[in-house]
Amino acid sequence: MTATLPQPITNYFTADAADGTSVVHCFTDDAVVKDEGHTHIGHEAIQQWKEEAVAKYDYVCEPLSSEQHEGKVIVTCRLTGNFPGSPADLRFRFVLEGDRIASLEIAP
């Protein structure tokens, strides 16, 4: 990773690179994830979102930079894989709550 990230976000990207399915442990119980036009709320929905993404796409996510803005940590990542538009630079907008992620929005 080239970006310096808070530990909960480092944990997220580490889990995502390992198998993807364990990322749910990085989130608060009532966390919200917004990705590809869908909203996923809570551990069960986040687990399903990640399992579907892992089954559908083979990808690598490389964090390139990070910044803080209005209470969010915004990480720009390069995603490379077998999805339309690869490679793509996406912004991951994290809101942290203690040592967990309270929300994540992934968008261009």
Protein backbone atom coordinates (compact mmCIF):
# COMPACT_ATOMS: atom_id res chain seq x y z
CA MET A 1 0.00 0.00 0.00
CA THR A 2 1.36 3.39 -0.91
CA ALA A 3 -1.16 5.41 1.10
CA THR A 4 -0.89 5.87 4.89
CA LEU A 5 -4.25 4.82 6.29
CA PRO A 6 -5.99 4.63 9.67
CA GLN A 7 -5.89 1.09 11.10
CA PRO A 8 -9.59 0.22 10.49
CA ILE A 9 -9.15 1.07 6.79
CA THR A 10 -5.88 -0.86 6.57
CA ASN A 11 -7.74 -3.81 8.12
CA TYR A 12 -10.47 -3.49 5.47
CA PHE A 13 -8.05 -3.56 2.53
CA THR A 14 -6.03 -6.40 4.09
CA ALA A 15 -9.19 -8.50 4.55
CA ASP A 16 -10.38 -7.65 1.03
CA ALA A 17 -7.07 -8.79 -0.47
CA ALA A 18 -7.03 -12.02 1.58
CA ASP A 19 -10.44 -13.46 0.73
CA GLY A 20 -12.92 -10.59 0.78
CA THR A 21 -15.44 -12.40 2.93
CA SER A 22 -13.90 -11.38 6.27
CA VAL A 23 -14.26 -7.63 5.62
CA VAL A 24 -17.56 -7.65 7.52
CA HIS A 25 -15.55 -7.75 10.77
CA CYS A 26 -14.17 -4.30 9.93
CA PHE A 27 -17.65 -2.70 10.17
CA THR A 28 -19.90 -1.60 13.02
CA ASP A 29 -23.06 -3.68 13.50
CA ASP A 30 -25.26 -1.08 11.78
CA ALA A 31 -22.74 0.05 9.16
CA VAL A 32 -23.84 1.21 5.70
CA VAL A 33 -22.09 0.38 2.42
CA LYS A 34 -23.03 2.07 -0.86
CA ASP A 35 -21.62 0.51 -4.02
CA GLU A 36 -22.78 0.14 -7.63
CA GLY A 37 -26.03 1.97 -6.92
CA HIS A 38 -27.04 -0.28 -4.01
CA THR A 39 -27.12 0.32 -0.26
CA HIS A 40 -26.24 -2.47 2.17
CA ILE A 41 -27.03 -2.00 5.88
CA GLY A 42 -25.75 -4.20 8.69
CA HIS A 43 -23.41 -7.16 8.87
CA GLU A 44 -25.65 -9.63 7.04
CA ALA A 45 -26.19 -7.33 4.04
CA ILE A 46 -22.52 -6.31 3.94
CA GLN A 47 -21.44 -9.96 4.07
CA GLN A 48 -23.77 -10.77 1.16
CA TRP A 49 -22.51 -7.75 -0.84
CA LYS A 50 -18.90 -8.81 -0.43
CA GLU A 51 -19.55 -12.51 -1.16
CA GLU A 52 -21.35 -11.56 -4.37
CA ALA A 53 -18.53 -9.24 -5.45
CA VAL A 54 -15.90 -11.91 -4.78
CA ALA A 55 -17.92 -14.49 -6.73
CA LYS A 56 -18.59 -12.13 -9.64
CA TYR A 57 -15.25 -10.38 -10.05
CA ASP A 58 -11.59 -11.24 -9.79
CA TYR A 59 -9.89 -7.97 -8.82
CA VAL A 60 -7.00 -6.29 -7.05
CA CYS A 61 -7.47 -3.04 -5.15
CA GLU A 62 -4.42 -0.81 -4.70
CA PRO A 63 -4.84 2.22 -2.40
CA LEU A 64 -2.96 5.12 -4.00
CA SER A 65 -3.67 8.12 -1.78
CA SER A 66 -5.83 9.30 1.08
CA GLU A 67 -7.16 12.56 2.44
CA GLN A 68 -9.53 13.63 5.18
CA HIS A 69 -12.48 15.84 4.36
CA GLU A 70 -15.55 16.71 6.47
CA GLY A 71 -15.16 13.74 8.82
CA LYS A 72 -14.48 11.24 6.05
CA VAL A 73 -11.31 9.47 5.03
CA ILE A 74 -11.27 9.39 1.23
CA VAL A 75 -9.00 6.75 -0.28
CA THR A 76 -8.34 6.71 -4.01
CA CYS A 77 -7.75 3.16 -5.22
CA ARG A 78 -6.89 1.58 -8.52
CA LEU A 79 -9.02 -1.50 -9.16
CA THR A 80 -7.78 -3.92 -11.77
CA GLY A 81 -9.64 -7.07 -12.72
CA ASN A 82 -12.23 -8.78 -14.89
CA PHE A 83 -14.93 -6.13 -14.66
CA PRO A 84 -16.11 -3.61 -17.26
CA GLY A 85 -13.91 -0.52 -17.33
CA SER A 86 -10.85 -2.15 -15.74
CA PRO A 87 -8.61 -0.66 -14.58
CA ALA A 88 -10.57 2.01 -12.75
CA ASP A 89 -9.66 4.59 -10.14
CA LEU A 90 -12.39 4.71 -7.49
CA ARG A 91 -12.87 6.72 -4.33
CA PHE A 92 -13.65 4.88 -1.14
CA ARG A 93 -15.26 7.29 1.34
CA PHE A 94 -14.98 5.91 4.86
CA VAL A 95 -16.56 7.19 8.08
CA LEU A 96 -14.96 5.66 11.14
CA GLU A 97 -16.48 5.01 14.54
CA GLY A 98 -13.82 3.97 17.03
CA ASP A 99 -11.87 1.06 15.60
CA ARG A 100 -14.55 0.12 13.02
CA ILE A 101 -16.02 1.46 9.79
CA ALA A 102 -19.47 3.04 10.21
CA SER A 103 -19.98 3.75 6.50
CA LEU A 104 -18.32 3.21 3.16
CA GLU A 105 -19.30 4.69 -0.17
CA ILE A 106 -17.49 3.52 -3.31
CA ALA A 107 -17.78 5.74 -6.40
CA PRO A 108 -15.73 7.12 -9.29
